[in-house]
C-alpha atoms as a PDB file:
ATOM      1  CA  UNK A   1     113.398 -22.972-128.940  1.00  0.00           C
ATOM      2  CA  UNK A   2     113.032 -19.405-127.876  1.00  0.00           C
ATOM      3  CA  UNK A   3     109.931 -18.622-125.834  1.00  0.00           C
ATOM      4  CA  UNK A   4     109.144 -15.023-125.175  1.00  0.00           C
ATOM      5  CA  UNK A   5     108.645 -13.861-121.622  1.00  0.00           C
ATOM      6  CA  UNK A   6     105.109 -12.832-122.507  1.00  0.00           C
ATOM      7  CA  UNK A   7     104.290 -16.299-123.791  1.00  0.00           C
ATOM      8  CA  UNK A   8     105.782 -17.924-120.681  1.00  0.00           C
ATOM      9  CA  UNK A   9     103.753 -15.646-118.428  1.00  0.00           C
ATOM     10  CA  UNK A  10     100.649 -16.527-120.373  1.00  0.00           C
ATOM     11  CA  UNK A  11     101.365 -20.251-119.994  1.00  0.00           C
ATOM     12  CA  UNK A  12     101.948 -19.787-116.259  1.00  0.00           C
ATOM     13  CA  UNK A  13      98.642 -17.992-115.917  1.00  0.00           C
ATOM     14  CA  UNK A  14      96.882 -20.757-117.836  1.00  0.00           C
ATOM     15  CA  UNK A  15      98.456 -23.378-115.601  1.00  0.00           C
ATOM     16  CA  UNK A  16      97.569 -21.430-112.463  1.00  0.00           C
ATOM     17  CA  UNK A  17      94.020 -20.970-113.690  1.00  0.00           C
ATOM     18  CA  UNK A  18      93.694 -24.697-114.415  1.00  0.00           C
ATOM     19  CA  UNK A  19      94.963 -25.508-110.918  1.00  0.00           C
ATOM     20  CA  UNK A  20      92.487 -23.105-109.363  1.00  0.00           C
ATOM     21  CA  UNK A  21      89.700 -24.599-111.413  1.00  0.00           C
ATOM     22  CA  UNK A  22      90.727 -28.072-110.234  1.00  0.00           C
ATOM     23  CA  UNK A  23      90.844 -26.914-106.606  1.00  0.00           C
ATOM     24  CA  UNK A  24      87.484 -25.191-106.917  1.00  0.00           C
ATOM     25  CA  UNK A  25      86.110 -28.269-108.638  1.00  0.00           C
ATOM     26  CA  UNK A  26      87.438 -30.490-105.844  1.00  0.00           C
ATOM     27  CA  UNK A  27      86.096 -28.048-103.268  1.00  0.00           C
ATOM     28  CA  UNK A  28      82.704 -27.963-104.940  1.00  0.00           C
ATOM     29  CA  UNK A  29      82.733 -31.734-105.089  1.00  0.00           C
ATOM     30  CA  UNK A  30      83.558 -31.870-101.391  1.00  0.00           C
ATOM     31  CA  UNK A  31      80.823 -29.359-100.574  1.00  0.00           C
ATOM     32  CA  UNK A  32      78.421 -31.296-102.774  1.00  0.00           C
ATOM     33  CA  UNK A  33      79.316 -34.516-100.974  1.00  0.00           C
ATOM     34  CA  UNK A  34      78.851 -32.816 -97.601  1.00  0.00           C
ATOM     35  CA  UNK A  35      75.458 -31.480 -98.648  1.00  0.00           C
ATOM     36  CA  UNK A  36      74.427 -34.891 -99.977  1.00  0.00           C
ATOM     37  CA  UNK A  37      75.623 -36.596 -96.785  1.00  0.00           C
ATOM     38  CA  UNK A  38      73.785 -34.064 -94.645  1.00  0.00           C
ATOM     39  CA  UNK A  39      70.640 -34.529 -96.709  1.00  0.00           C
ATOM     40  CA  UNK A  40      70.905 -38.309 -96.389  1.00  0.00           C
ATOM     41  CA  UNK A  41      71.423 -37.993 -92.627  1.00  0.00           C
ATOM     42  CA  UNK A  42      68.393 -35.710 -92.355  1.00  0.00           C
ATOM     43  CA  UNK A  43      66.314 -38.096 -94.447  1.00  0.00           C
ATOM     44  CA  UNK A  44      67.405 -41.026 -92.275  1.00  0.00           C
ATOM     45  CA  UNK A  45      66.668 -38.987 -89.161  1.00  0.00           C
ATOM     46  CA  UNK A  46      63.229 -38.077 -90.487  1.00  0.00           C
ATOM     47  CA  UNK A  47      62.577 -41.694 -91.423  1.00  0.00           C
ATOM     48  CA  UNK A  48      63.597 -42.785 -87.917  1.00  0.00           C
ATOM     49  CA  UNK A  49      61.300 -40.171 -86.391  1.00  0.00           C
ATOM     50  CA  UNK A  50      58.459 -41.196 -88.675  1.00  0.00           C
ATOM     51  CA  UNK A  51      59.001 -44.874 -87.847  1.00  0.00           C
ATOM     52  CA  UNK A  52      59.066 -44.061 -84.126  1.00  0.00           C
ATOM     53  CA  UNK A  53      55.763 -42.210 -84.455  1.00  0.00           C
ATOM     54  CA  UNK A  54      54.318 -45.037 -86.535  1.00  0.00           C
ATOM     55  CA  UNK A  55      55.382 -47.624 -83.952  1.00  0.00           C
ATOM     56  CA  UNK A  56      53.852 -45.478 -81.207  1.00  0.00           C
ATOM     57  CA  UNK A  57      50.544 -45.375 -83.075  1.00  0.00           C
ATOM     58  CA  UNK A  58      50.688 -49.119 -83.691  1.00  0.00           C
ATOM     59  CA  UNK A  59      51.349 -49.719 -79.985  1.00  0.00           C
ATOM     60  CA  UNK A  60      48.388 -47.474 -79.114  1.00  0.00           C
ATOM     61  CA  UNK A  61      45.951 -49.150 -81.518  1.00  0.00           C
ATOM     62  CA  UNK A  62      44.750 -52.043 -79.298  1.00  0.00           C
ATOM     63  CA  UNK A  63      44.215 -49.644 -76.384  1.00  0.00           C
ATOM     64  CA  UNK A  64      42.273 -47.210 -78.576  1.00  0.00           C
ATOM     65  CA  UNK A  65      40.104 -50.092 -79.762  1.00  0.00           C
ATOM     66  CA  UNK A  66      39.652 -51.480 -76.255  1.00  0.00           C
ATOM     67  CA  UNK A  67      38.607 -48.195 -74.631  1.00  0.00           C
ATOM     68  CA  UNK A  68      36.451 -46.843 -77.445  1.00  0.00           C
ATOM     69  CA  UNK A  69      33.254 -45.563 -75.847  1.00  0.00           C
ATOM     70  CA  UNK A  70      34.644 -45.950 -72.314  1.00  0.00           C
ATOM     71  CA  UNK A  71      33.918 -43.305 -69.678  1.00  0.00           C
ATOM     72  CA  UNK A  72      37.129 -41.842 -68.259  1.00  0.00           C
ATOM     73  CA  UNK A  73      37.164 -39.548 -65.202  1.00  0.00           C
ATOM     74  CA  UNK A  74      40.233 -37.320 -64.913  1.00  0.00           C
ATOM     75  CA  UNK A  75      40.816 -35.568 -61.605  1.00  0.00           C
ATOM     76  CA  UNK A  76      42.967 -32.599 -62.556  1.00  0.00           C
ATOM     77  CA  UNK A  77      44.899 -30.765 -59.844  1.00  0.00           C
ATOM     78  CA  UNK A  78      48.301 -30.060 -58.342  1.00  0.00           C
ATOM     79  CA  UNK A  79      51.224 -28.415 -60.102  1.00  0.00           C
ATOM     80  CA  UNK A  80      49.868 -29.392 -63.520  1.00  0.00           C
ATOM     81  CA  UNK A  81      47.266 -26.645 -62.996  1.00  0.00           C
ATOM     82  CA  UNK A  82      49.830 -23.939 -62.264  1.00  0.00           C
ATOM     83  CA  UNK A  83      52.293 -24.437 -65.137  1.00  0.00           C
ATOM     84  CA  UNK A  84      50.983 -23.174 -68.491  1.00  0.00           C
ATOM     85  CA  UNK A  85      52.774 -25.815 -70.579  1.00  0.00           C
ATOM     86  CA  UNK A  86      51.714 -28.687 -68.313  1.00  0.00           C
ATOM     87  CA  UNK A  87      48.162 -27.366 -68.417  1.00  0.00           C
ATOM     88  CA  UNK A  88      48.159 -27.438 -72.220  1.00  0.00           C
ATOM     89  CA  UNK A  89      49.617 -30.960 -72.194  1.00  0.00           C
ATOM     90  CA  UNK A  90      46.728 -32.187 -70.042  1.00  0.00           C
ATOM     91  CA  UNK A  91      44.163 -30.395 -72.207  1.00  0.00           C
ATOM     92  CA  UNK A  92      45.688 -31.894 -75.372  1.00  0.00           C
ATOM     93  CA  UNK A  93      45.674 -35.370 -73.814  1.00  0.00           C
ATOM     94  CA  UNK A  94      42.014 -35.142 -72.812  1.00  0.00           C
ATOM     95  CA  UNK A  95      41.105 -33.741 -76.237  1.00  0.00           C
ATOM     96  CA  UNK A  96      42.846 -36.695 -77.892  1.00  0.00           C
ATOM     97  CA  UNK A  97      41.036 -39.168 -75.634  1.00  0.00           C
ATOM     98  CA  UNK A  98      37.789 -37.633 -76.857  1.00  0.00           C
ATOM     99  CA  UNK A  99      38.808 -37.630 -80.521  1.00  0.00           C
ATOM    100  CA  UNK A 100      39.729 -41.347 -80.485  1.00  0.00           C
ATOM    101  CA  UNK A 101      36.309 -42.305 -79.144  1.00  0.00           C
ATOM    102  CA  UNK A 102      36.504 -42.173 -75.354  1.00  0.00           C
ATOM    103  CA  UNK A 103      34.103 -40.246 -73.116  1.00  0.00           C
ATOM    104  CA  UNK A 104      36.252 -38.135 -70.772  1.00  0.00           C
ATOM    105  CA  UNK A 105      35.021 -36.049 -67.848  1.00  0.00           C
ATOM    106  CA  UNK A 106      37.302 -33.599 -66.054  1.00  0.00           C
ATOM    107  CA  UNK A 107      36.859 -32.932 -62.339  1.00  0.00           C
ATOM    108  CA  UNK A 108      39.252 -30.177 -61.341  1.00  0.00           C
ATOM    109  CA  UNK A 109      40.566 -28.747 -58.116  1.00  0.00           C
ATOM    110  CA  UNK A 110      41.926 -25.312 -57.358  1.00  0.00           C
ATOM    111  CA  UNK A 111      43.148 -25.598 -53.794  1.00  0.00           C
ATOM    112  CA  UNK A 112      46.353 -23.581 -54.167  1.00  0.00           C
ATOM    113  CA  UNK A 113      44.526 -20.740 -55.889  1.00  0.00           C
ATOM    114  CA  UNK A 114      41.803 -20.788 -53.219  1.00  0.00           C
ATOM    115  CA  UNK A 115      44.435 -20.589 -50.472  1.00  0.00           C
ATOM    116  CA  UNK A 116      46.032 -17.614 -52.223  1.00  0.00           C
ATOM    117  CA  UNK A 117      42.751 -15.692 -52.298  1.00  0.00           C
ATOM    118  CA  UNK A 118      41.883 -16.652 -48.725  1.00  0.00           C
ATOM    119  CA  UNK A 119      45.206 -15.099 -47.648  1.00  0.00           C
ATOM    120  CA  UNK A 120      44.489 -11.984 -49.711  1.00  0.00           C
ATOM    121  CA  UNK A 121      41.207 -11.634 -47.819  1.00  0.00           C
ATOM    122  CA  UNK A 122      43.192 -11.437 -44.577  1.00  0.00           C
ATOM    123  CA  UNK A 123      42.501 -14.981 -43.380  1.00  0.00           C
ATOM    124  CA  UNK A 124      44.895 -17.868 -42.919  1.00  0.00           C
ATOM    125  CA  UNK A 125      43.879 -21.105 -44.722  1.00  0.00           C
ATOM    126  CA  UNK A 126      42.988 -23.820 -42.231  1.00  0.00           C
ATOM    127  CA  UNK A 127      42.932 -27.581 -42.773  1.00  0.00           C
ATOM    128  CA  UNK A 128      41.888 -30.633 -40.794  1.00  0.00           C
ATOM    129  CA  UNK A 129      43.145 -34.047 -41.936  1.00  0.00           C
ATOM    130  CA  UNK A 130      43.839 -32.599 -45.377  1.00  0.00           C
ATOM    131  CA  UNK A 131      40.361 -31.072 -45.722  1.00  0.00           C
ATOM    132  CA  UNK A 132      39.865 -27.325 -45.990  1.00  0.00           C
ATOM    133  CA  UNK A 133      37.980 -25.815 -43.057  1.00  0.00           C
ATOM    134  CA  UNK A 134      35.353 -23.812 -44.939  1.00  0.00           C
ATOM    135  CA  UNK A 135      33.349 -21.050 -43.294  1.00  0.00           C
ATOM    136  CA  UNK A 136      30.863 -18.961 -45.300  1.00  0.00           C
ATOM    137  CA  UNK A 137      33.458 -16.423 -46.451  1.00  0.00           C
ATOM    138  CA  UNK A 138      35.873 -19.158 -47.527  1.00  0.00           C
ATOM    139  CA  UNK A 139      33.019 -20.904 -49.349  1.00  0.00           C
ATOM    140  CA  UNK A 140      32.303 -17.736 -51.327  1.00  0.00           C
ATOM    141  CA  UNK A 141      35.989 -17.443 -52.236  1.00  0.00           C
ATOM    142  CA  UNK A 142      36.107 -21.110 -53.269  1.00  0.00           C
ATOM    143  CA  UNK A 143      33.114 -20.685 -55.569  1.00  0.00           C
ATOM    144  CA  UNK A 144      34.653 -17.594 -57.174  1.00  0.00           C
ATOM    145  CA  UNK A 145      38.036 -19.246 -57.764  1.00  0.00           C
ATOM    146  CA  UNK A 146      36.661 -22.583 -58.968  1.00  0.00           C
ATOM    147  CA  UNK A 147      34.330 -20.828 -61.417  1.00  0.00           C
ATOM    148  CA  UNK A 148      37.299 -18.905 -62.849  1.00  0.00           C
ATOM    149  CA  UNK A 149      39.401 -22.064 -63.176  1.00  0.00           C
ATOM    150  CA  UNK A 150      36.468 -23.924 -64.714  1.00  0.00           C
ATOM    151  CA  UNK A 151      35.857 -21.400 -67.472  1.00  0.00           C
ATOM    152  CA  UNK A 152      39.556 -21.198 -68.288  1.00  0.00           C
ATOM    153  CA  UNK A 153      39.731 -24.972 -68.788  1.00  0.00           C
ATOM    154  CA  UNK A 154      36.622 -24.924 -70.965  1.00  0.00           C
ATOM    155  CA  UNK A 155      38.155 -22.176 -73.109  1.00  0.00           C
ATOM    156  CA  UNK A 156      41.378 -24.140 -73.573  1.00  0.00           C
ATOM    157  CA  UNK A 157      39.427 -27.232 -74.530  1.00  0.00           C
ATOM    158  CA  UNK A 158      37.480 -25.267 -77.139  1.00  0.00           C
ATOM    159  CA  UNK A 159      40.778 -24.025 -78.594  1.00  0.00           C
ATOM    160  CA  UNK A 160      41.785 -27.652 -79.115  1.00  0.00           C
ATOM    161  CA  UNK A 161      38.735 -28.183 -81.294  1.00  0.00           C
ATOM    162  CA  UNK A 162      36.540 -30.141 -78.901  1.00  0.00           C
ATOM    163  CA  UNK A 163      33.326 -28.951 -77.288  1.00  0.00           C
ATOM    164  CA  UNK A 164      33.258 -28.644 -73.508  1.00  0.00           C
ATOM    165  CA  UNK A 165      30.741 -27.438 -70.949  1.00  0.00           C
ATOM    166  CA  UNK A 166      31.718 -26.027 -67.571  1.00  0.00           C
ATOM    167  CA  UNK A 167      29.633 -27.130 -64.605  1.00  0.00           C
ATOM    168  CA  UNK A 168      29.619 -27.164 -60.857  1.00  0.00           C
ATOM    169  CA  UNK A 169      27.589 -29.559 -58.769  1.00  0.00           C
ATOM    170  CA  UNK A 170      24.904 -26.898 -58.330  1.00  0.00           C
ATOM    171  CA  UNK A 171      24.102 -26.892 -62.057  1.00  0.00           C
ATOM    172  CA  UNK A 172      21.215 -29.174 -62.921  1.00  0.00           C
ATOM    173  CA  UNK A 173      21.220 -30.392 -59.330  1.00  0.00           C
ATOM    174  CA  UNK A 174      24.167 -32.491 -60.471  1.00  0.00           C
ATOM    175  CA  UNK A 175      25.940 -33.259 -57.181  1.00  0.00           C
ATOM    176  CA  UNK A 176      24.050 -33.572 -53.922  1.00  0.00           C
ATOM    177  CA  UNK A 177      26.073 -33.772 -50.729  1.00  0.00           C
ATOM    178  CA  UNK A 178      25.884 -34.595 -47.069  1.00  0.00           C
ATOM    179  CA  UNK A 179      27.839 -32.535 -44.581  1.00  0.00           C
ATOM    180  CA  UNK A 180      31.243 -34.119 -44.003  1.00  0.00           C
ATOM    181  CA  UNK A 181      32.203 -34.544 -40.332  1.00  0.00           C
ATOM    182  CA  UNK A 182      35.685 -36.108 -40.110  1.00  0.00           C
ATOM    183  CA  UNK A 183      36.125 -37.669 -36.656  1.00  0.00           C
ATOM    184  CA  UNK A 184      32.860 -35.967 -35.715  1.00  0.00           C
ATOM    185  CA  UNK A 185      34.432 -32.512 -36.169  1.00  0.00           C
ATOM    186  CA  UNK A 186      32.468 -29.713 -37.841  1.00  0.00           C
ATOM    187  CA  UNK A 187      34.724 -28.159 -40.488  1.00  0.00           C
ATOM    188  CA  UNK A 188      32.063 -25.965 -42.056  1.00  0.00           C
ATOM    189  CA  UNK A 189      30.710 -26.125 -45.578  1.00  0.00           C
ATOM    190  CA  UNK A 190      32.545 -29.273 -46.621  1.00  0.00           C
ATOM    191  CA  UNK A 191      30.490 -32.006 -48.228  1.00  0.00           C
ATOM    192  CA  UNK A 192      30.758 -35.627 -49.250  1.00  0.00           C
ATOM    193  CA  UNK A 193      29.041 -36.831 -52.406  1.00  0.00           C
ATOM    194  CA  UNK A 194      25.602 -38.334 -51.769  1.00  0.00           C
ATOM    195  CA  UNK A 195      24.340 -38.573 -55.364  1.00  0.00           C
ATOM    196  CA  UNK A 196      25.238 -37.563 -58.916  1.00  0.00           C
ATOM    197  CA  UNK A 197      22.838 -36.652 -61.720  1.00  0.00           C
ATOM    198  CA  UNK A 198      24.278 -38.991 -64.334  1.00  0.00           C
ATOM    199  CA  UNK A 199      21.476 -38.217 -66.818  1.00  0.00           C
ATOM    200  CA  UNK A 200      22.837 -34.694 -67.208  1.00  0.00           C
ATOM    201  CA  UNK A 201      26.387 -35.931 -67.765  1.00  0.00           C
ATOM    202  CA  UNK A 202      25.320 -38.642 -70.214  1.00  0.00           C
ATOM    203  CA  UNK A 203      23.214 -36.155 -72.174  1.00  0.00           C
ATOM    204  CA  UNK A 204      26.197 -33.840 -72.542  1.00  0.00           C
ATOM    205  CA  UNK A 205      28.541 -36.634 -73.620  1.00  0.00           C
ATOM    206  CA  UNK A 206      25.969 -38.135 -75.993  1.00  0.00           C
ATOM    207  CA  UNK A 207      25.874 -34.727 -77.679  1.00  0.00           C
ATOM    208  CA  UNK A 208      29.657 -34.607 -78.071  1.00  0.00           C
ATOM    209  CA  UNK A 209      30.531 -32.379 -75.094  1.00  0.00           C
ATOM    210  CA  UNK A 210      33.216 -32.917 -72.461  1.00  0.00           C
ATOM    211  CA  UNK A 211      31.866 -32.051 -68.990  1.00  0.00           C
ATOM    212  CA  UNK A 212      34.318 -29.995 -66.925  1.00  0.00           C
ATOM    213  CA  UNK A 213      33.197 -30.126 -63.295  1.00  0.00           C
ATOM    214  CA  UNK A 214      34.065 -27.834 -60.383  1.00  0.00           C
ATOM    215  CA  UNK A 215      33.761 -29.679 -57.033  1.00  0.00           C
ATOM    216  CA  UNK A 216      30.836 -27.853 -55.452  1.00  0.00           C
ATOM    217  CA  UNK A 217      27.588 -29.512 -54.389  1.00  0.00           C
ATOM    218  CA  UNK A 218      24.253 -28.793 -52.734  1.00  0.00           C
ATOM    219  CA  UNK A 219      22.776 -30.162 -49.526  1.00  0.00           C
ATOM    220  CA  UNK A 220      19.069 -30.805 -48.939  1.00  0.00           C
ATOM    221  CA  UNK A 221      18.619 -27.138 -47.980  1.00  0.00           C
ATOM    222  CA  UNK A 222      20.332 -26.067 -51.237  1.00  0.00           C
ATOM    223  CA  UNK A 223      23.341 -24.659 -49.430  1.00  0.00           C
ATOM    224  CA  UNK A 224      26.578 -24.762 -51.439  1.00  0.00           C
ATOM    225  CA  UNK A 225      29.332 -27.028 -50.119  1.00  0.00           C
ATOM    226  CA  UNK A 226      32.978 -27.354 -51.035  1.00  0.00           C
ATOM    227  CA  UNK A 227      33.969 -30.921 -51.974  1.00  0.00           C
ATOM    228  CA  UNK A 228      37.491 -32.263 -51.922  1.00  0.00           C
ATOM    229  CA  UNK A 229      38.294 -32.703 -55.642  1.00  0.00           C
ATOM    230  CA  UNK A 230      39.514 -36.289 -55.147  1.00  0.00           C
ATOM    231  CA  UNK A 231      36.255 -37.142 -53.375  1.00  0.00           C
ATOM    232  CA  UNK A 232      34.215 -35.454 -56.114  1.00  0.00           C
ATOM    233  CA  UNK A 233      36.047 -37.331 -58.879  1.00  0.00           C
ATOM    234  CA  UNK A 234      35.597 -40.610 -57.028  1.00  0.00           C
ATOM    235  CA  UNK A 235      31.875 -39.921 -56.550  1.00  0.00           C
ATOM    236  CA  UNK A 236      31.376 -39.113 -60.231  1.00  0.00           C
ATOM    237  CA  UNK A 237      33.374 -42.189 -61.316  1.00  0.00           C
ATOM    238  CA  UNK A 238      31.288 -44.505 -59.120  1.00  0.00           C
ATOM    239  CA  UNK A 239      27.997 -43.024 -60.287  1.00  0.00           C
ATOM    240  CA  UNK A 240      29.021 -43.191 -63.959  1.00  0.00           C
ATOM    241  CA  UNK A 241      30.352 -46.756 -63.623  1.00  0.00           C
ATOM    242  CA  UNK A 242      33.532 -45.445 -65.238  1.00  0.00           C
ATOM    243  CA  UNK A 243      36.098 -47.641 -66.940  1.00  0.00           C
ATOM    244  CA  UNK A 244      38.926 -45.543 -65.527  1.00  0.00           C
ATOM    245  CA  UNK A 245      39.468 -42.955 -62.817  1.00  0.00           C
ATOM    246  CA  UNK A 246      42.717 -41.002 -63.023  1.00  0.00           C
ATOM    247  CA  UNK A 247      44.252 -38.865 -60.280  1.00  0.00           C
ATOM    248  CA  UNK A 248      46.826 -36.372 -61.573  1.00  0.00           C
ATOM    249  CA  UNK A 249      49.118 -35.586 -58.642  1.00  0.00           C
ATOM    250  CA  UNK A 250      52.544 -34.175 -57.779  1.00  0.00           C
ATOM    251  CA  UNK A 251      54.061 -37.598 -57.104  1.00  0.00           C
ATOM    252  CA  UNK A 252      54.995 -40.457 -59.425  1.00  0.00           C
ATOM    253  CA  UNK A 253      52.673 -43.024 -57.852  1.00  0.00           C
ATOM    254  CA  UNK A 254      52.690 -45.451 -54.914  1.00  0.00           C
ATOM    255  CA  UNK A 255      56.085 -46.471 -53.520  1.00  0.00           C
ATOM    256  CA  UNK A 256      57.048 -49.284 -51.172  1.00  0.00           C
ATOM    257  CA  UNK A 257      59.719 -46.882 -49.906  1.00  0.00           C
ATOM    258  CA  UNK A 258      59.087 -43.222 -50.851  1.00  0.00           C
ATOM    259  CA  UNK A 259      62.793 -42.488 -50.357  1.00  0.00           C
ATOM    260  CA  UNK A 260      63.708 -45.025 -53.041  1.00  0.00           C
ATOM    261  CA  UNK A 261      62.337 -44.139 -56.479  1.00  0.00           C
ATOM    262  CA  UNK A 262      63.101 -47.662 -57.698  1.00  0.00           C
ATOM    263  CA  UNK A 263      60.326 -49.041 -55.466  1.00  0.00           C
ATOM    264  CA  UNK A 264      57.516 -47.509 -57.538  1.00  0.00           C
ATOM    265  CA  UNK A 265      54.665 -50.008 -57.928  1.00  0.00           C
ATOM    266  CA  UNK A 266      53.299 -50.043 -61.472  1.00  0.00           C
ATOM    267  CA  UNK A 267      50.266 -52.223 -60.645  1.00  0.00           C
ATOM    268  CA  UNK A 268      48.599 -53.368 -57.448  1.00  0.00           C
ATOM    269  CA  UNK A 269      45.257 -54.929 -56.523  1.00  0.00           C
ATOM    270  CA  UNK A 270      42.998 -53.538 -53.806  1.00  0.00           C
ATOM    271  CA  UNK A 271      43.959 -56.357 -51.430  1.00  0.00           C
ATOM    272  CA  UNK A 272      47.574 -55.155 -51.581  1.00  0.00           C
ATOM    273  CA  UNK A 273      46.435 -51.535 -51.292  1.00  0.00           C
ATOM    274  CA  UNK A 274      44.537 -52.341 -48.093  1.00  0.00           C
ATOM    275  CA  UNK A 275      47.572 -54.146 -46.684  1.00  0.00           C
ATOM    276  CA  UNK A 276      49.743 -51.109 -47.433  1.00  0.00           C
ATOM    277  CA  UNK A 277      47.338 -48.910 -45.490  1.00  0.00           C
ATOM    278  CA  UNK A 278      47.048 -51.320 -42.554  1.00  0.00           C
ATOM    279  CA  UNK A 279      50.825 -51.762 -42.325  1.00  0.00           C
ATOM    280  CA  UNK A 280      51.541 -48.049 -42.522  1.00  0.00           C
ATOM    281  CA  UNK A 281      53.430 -48.311 -45.826  1.00  0.00           C
ATOM    282  CA  UNK A 282      51.270 -45.493 -47.190  1.00  0.00           C
ATOM    283  CA  UNK A 283      50.626 -42.282 -45.302  1.00  0.00           C
ATOM    284  CA  UNK A 284      50.245 -38.540 -45.687  1.00  0.00           C
ATOM    285  CA  UNK A 285      48.371 -37.240 -48.714  1.00  0.00           C
ATOM    286  CA  UNK A 286      48.544 -40.620 -50.429  1.00  0.00           C
ATOM    287  CA  UNK A 287      46.398 -42.255 -47.734  1.00  0.00           C
ATOM    288  CA  UNK A 288      43.024 -40.627 -48.601  1.00  0.00           C
ATOM    289  CA  UNK A 289      43.840 -40.953 -52.305  1.00  0.00           C
ATOM    290  CA  UNK A 290      44.423 -44.700 -51.985  1.00  0.00           C
ATOM    291  CA  UNK A 291      41.234 -45.042 -49.929  1.00  0.00           C
ATOM    292  CA  UNK A 292      39.357 -43.321 -52.770  1.00  0.00           C
ATOM    293  CA  UNK A 293      40.939 -45.769 -55.224  1.00  0.00           C
ATOM    294  CA  UNK A 294      39.764 -48.750 -53.176  1.00  0.00           C
ATOM    295  CA  UNK A 295      36.272 -47.271 -52.756  1.00  0.00           C
ATOM    296  CA  UNK A 296      35.934 -46.569 -56.488  1.00  0.00           C
ATOM    297  CA  UNK A 297      36.980 -50.080 -57.518  1.00  0.00           C
ATOM    298  CA  UNK A 298      34.722 -51.748 -54.938  1.00  0.00           C
ATOM    299  CA  UNK A 299      31.844 -49.687 -56.381  1.00  0.00           C
ATOM    300  CA  UNK A 300      32.436 -50.805 -59.961  1.00  0.00           C
ATOM    301  CA  UNK A 301      35.203 -48.668 -61.488  1.00  0.00           C
ATOM    302  CA  UNK A 302      37.428 -51.024 -63.489  1.00  0.00           C
ATOM    303  CA  UNK A 303      40.796 -49.390 -62.883  1.00  0.00           C
ATOM    304  CA  UNK A 304      42.202 -46.371 -61.042  1.00  0.00           C
ATOM    305  CA  UNK A 305      45.451 -44.640 -61.972  1.00  0.00           C
ATOM    306  CA  UNK A 306      47.676 -42.380 -59.877  1.00  0.00           C
ATOM    307  CA  UNK A 307      49.893 -40.367 -62.229  1.00  0.00           C
ATOM    308  CA  UNK A 308      52.443 -37.590 -61.946  1.00  0.00           C
ATOM    309  CA  UNK A 309      50.752 -34.650 -63.655  1.00  0.00           C
ATOM    310  CA  UNK A 310      54.140 -32.956 -64.039  1.00  0.00           C
ATOM    311  CA  UNK A 311      55.147 -35.520 -66.686  1.00  0.00           C
ATOM    312  CA  UNK A 312      54.349 -34.285 -70.194  1.00  0.00           C
ATOM    313  CA  UNK A 313      51.425 -36.202 -71.730  1.00  0.00           C
ATOM    314  CA  UNK A 314      51.179 -38.543 -68.755  1.00  0.00           C
ATOM    315  CA  UNK A 315      47.652 -39.605 -69.732  1.00  0.00           C
ATOM    316  CA  UNK A 316      48.725 -40.783 -73.171  1.00  0.00           C
ATOM    317  CA  UNK A 317      51.768 -42.561 -71.770  1.00  0.00           C
ATOM    318  CA  UNK A 318      49.626 -44.432 -69.249  1.00  0.00           C
ATOM    319  CA  UNK A 319      46.711 -45.282 -71.530  1.00  0.00           C
ATOM    320  CA  UNK A 320      48.405 -46.033 -74.829  1.00  0.00           C
ATOM    321  CA  UNK A 321      51.731 -47.686 -74.005  1.00  0.00           C
ATOM    322  CA  UNK A 322      52.425 -51.177 -72.735  1.00  0.00           C
ATOM    323  CA  UNK A 323      54.649 -50.084 -69.865  1.00  0.00           C
ATOM    324  CA  UNK A 324      52.728 -46.988 -68.793  1.00  0.00           C
ATOM    325  CA  UNK A 325      53.742 -44.724 -65.938  1.00  0.00           C
ATOM    326  CA  UNK A 326      52.532 -44.198 -62.396  1.00  0.00           C
ATOM    327  CA  UNK A 327      50.525 -46.747 -60.415  1.00  0.00           C
ATOM    328  CA  UNK A 328      47.415 -48.596 -61.576  1.00  0.00           C
ATOM    329  CA  UNK A 329      45.089 -50.096 -58.964  1.00  0.00           C
ATOM    330  CA  UNK A 330      42.964 -53.078 -60.026  1.00  0.00           C
ATOM    331  CA  UNK A 331      40.260 -55.136 -58.361  1.00  0.00           C
ATOM    332  CA  UNK A 332      42.257 -58.346 -58.733  1.00  0.00           C
ATOM    333  CA  UNK A 333      45.755 -59.159 -60.006  1.00  0.00           C
ATOM    334  CA  UNK A 334      45.933 -59.799 -63.755  1.00  0.00           C
ATOM    335  CA  UNK A 335      47.891 -63.032 -63.280  1.00  0.00           C
END
């Protein structure tokens, strides 16, 4: 049968068109399958993330129930004060502690910032056994810097939707001090906590405020004294009969061998802590911190934690997970 060239060309075009349609159809099917697979993967990923978050909340539930209404003292210092993101992590953690029913108090330091301003004044910062030698000029600088730090922390807390009040030990006659004389040496306006006005702190917390305390106190002559922030936090914790005292530091906790990170001790009782001190296992900046831990527990604080403030959300990880991080010091071993 004769087929014209025009008809043949038309048939070829139809065939080519059908093939293209099939290819496009297959391609669209493939793309559709890819999109569906990607969507399913994303859904599965989201489900996994949701389940992880749900499991985290479930794990936290008994701890939230257990510590509801408990007074928690957080000593905030070190590198966590200098890094903006770490600072917000700490603020968020403390805000969450408040929102789930705990009664947190922040006692903050500011040593690195004080040293910076002392240098700018033309003086060289001086220390004795880890304590700042504080003449009148240095005391004035310390008050200025600590007030600035205090108000900044209060502002950040307010941004997180919780009420906070900034205080120093001079306010409401809150912290009274005796002059501190390490080894009988006069190091100036450096005090040790003699008493704490717990009525003021309880009134603030009963009215839904988080106290944010700068470590400055008054002596019997109403002179202002600088207080080591660890000492101030310990003094407040003892006076408030706190459930927990937390030291945020630049180290992971207490090690049997500081050179071996695998020797981190997750829990220890005060008997072991005293043995570590006596045997020289602990030294340097950890020594006074561990002494404060022992003192706090012997005076009624249930548990003291030494945490690395550089770890994001270290407070939540320690309080609301079974494993926790850092080192917890107890009065007696759990088992």
